[in-house]
Structure formats: C-alpha cells, structure tokens
Protein backbone atom coordinates (compact mmCIF):
# COMPACT_ATOMS: atom_id res chain seq x y z
CA UNK A 1 28.06 52.43 -57.41
CA UNK A 2 27.62 48.72 -56.82
CA UNK A 3 30.21 46.69 -54.97
CA UNK A 4 30.87 43.09 -55.79
CA UNK A 5 30.79 40.53 -53.08
CA UNK A 6 33.44 37.91 -53.48
CA UNK A 7 35.08 35.50 -51.07
CA UNK A 8 38.46 36.38 -49.66
CA UNK A 9 41.01 34.41 -47.72
CA UNK A 10 41.20 35.20 -44.00
CA UNK A 11 44.11 34.12 -41.83
CA UNK A 12 42.82 32.86 -38.50
CA UNK A 13 45.08 33.06 -35.47
CA UNK A 14 44.36 31.21 -32.23
CA UNK A 15 45.42 33.06 -29.10
CA UNK A 16 45.65 30.66 -26.16
CA UNK A 17 45.03 32.59 -22.98
CA UNK A 18 46.00 31.07 -19.63
CA UNK A 19 45.68 32.91 -16.35
CA UNK A 20 44.89 32.40 -12.68
CA UNK A 21 41.22 32.19 -11.77
CA UNK A 22 41.31 35.38 -9.68
CA UNK A 23 41.88 37.70 -12.66
CA UNK A 24 38.48 37.15 -14.30
CA UNK A 25 37.94 40.84 -15.10
CA UNK A 26 41.29 40.96 -16.93
CA UNK A 27 40.35 37.86 -18.94
CA UNK A 28 37.11 39.55 -20.00
CA UNK A 29 39.14 42.61 -21.05
CA UNK A 30 41.34 40.44 -23.31
CA UNK A 31 38.30 38.80 -24.93
CA UNK A 32 36.64 42.18 -25.45
CA UNK A 33 39.84 43.61 -26.95
CA UNK A 34 40.07 40.85 -29.57
CA UNK A 35 36.33 40.99 -30.32
CA UNK A 36 36.55 44.72 -31.03
CA UNK A 37 39.85 44.37 -32.91
CA UNK A 38 38.31 41.70 -35.14
CA UNK A 39 35.29 43.91 -35.81
CA UNK A 40 37.13 47.14 -36.56
CA UNK A 41 40.73 46.48 -37.58
CA UNK A 42 41.71 42.88 -38.34
CA UNK A 43 40.01 42.91 -41.75
CA UNK A 44 42.70 45.31 -43.00
CA UNK A 45 45.17 42.40 -42.86
CA UNK A 46 42.62 39.69 -43.74
CA UNK A 47 43.01 38.35 -40.22
CA UNK A 48 40.81 37.06 -37.44
CA UNK A 49 41.86 36.31 -33.87
CA UNK A 50 40.17 33.59 -31.84
CA UNK A 51 40.80 33.59 -28.09
CA UNK A 52 40.98 30.12 -26.56
CA UNK A 53 41.27 29.30 -22.88
CA UNK A 54 41.34 26.15 -20.79
CA UNK A 55 38.03 26.97 -19.09
CA UNK A 56 35.98 27.22 -22.28
CA UNK A 57 37.93 25.26 -24.86
CA UNK A 58 39.46 22.22 -23.16
CA UNK A 59 38.26 18.68 -23.61
CA UNK A 60 37.05 17.08 -20.41
CA UNK A 61 38.83 13.87 -19.46
CA UNK A 62 41.84 14.24 -21.77
CA UNK A 63 44.28 15.25 -19.02
CA UNK A 64 44.54 17.37 -15.92
CA UNK A 65 43.70 20.95 -16.90
CA UNK A 66 46.55 22.50 -14.96
CA UNK A 67 49.14 19.94 -16.13
C-alpha cells in the first residue's frame, strides 16, 4: 500500500524560556522535553514547539538582556 506525501499545515508555537543561570540542568530538561514531544506527539495536532531563550536567541546590542 503506497502512501501519498503531501504538504500539511503545521502550527508553530514559540515557548520563551527564562530562568536563572544556576538551573542549567533544568533548562536542558525543558529543551529535551520539547524535542521529544515534537518528535513523538506534536504531529497529532499538526503542531511544533520551538524553545527560545535569552542566552541563545537574543540579539546582541538591542537592549540589556535582563531588562
């Protein structure tokens, strides 16, 4: 039985994650959770979650990061 490949609309949700620097292992847990959720479950609802944080996704020189 052949399956047809066709494009489908995916709703992308940005999750902005802010936390103190001393909880790095917890931040990695959150990223891992969403990576696995996207891989195994999110497709059921045509969704994708993108984790953003000030360390990796901020623009240098725009403003003070903690402001």
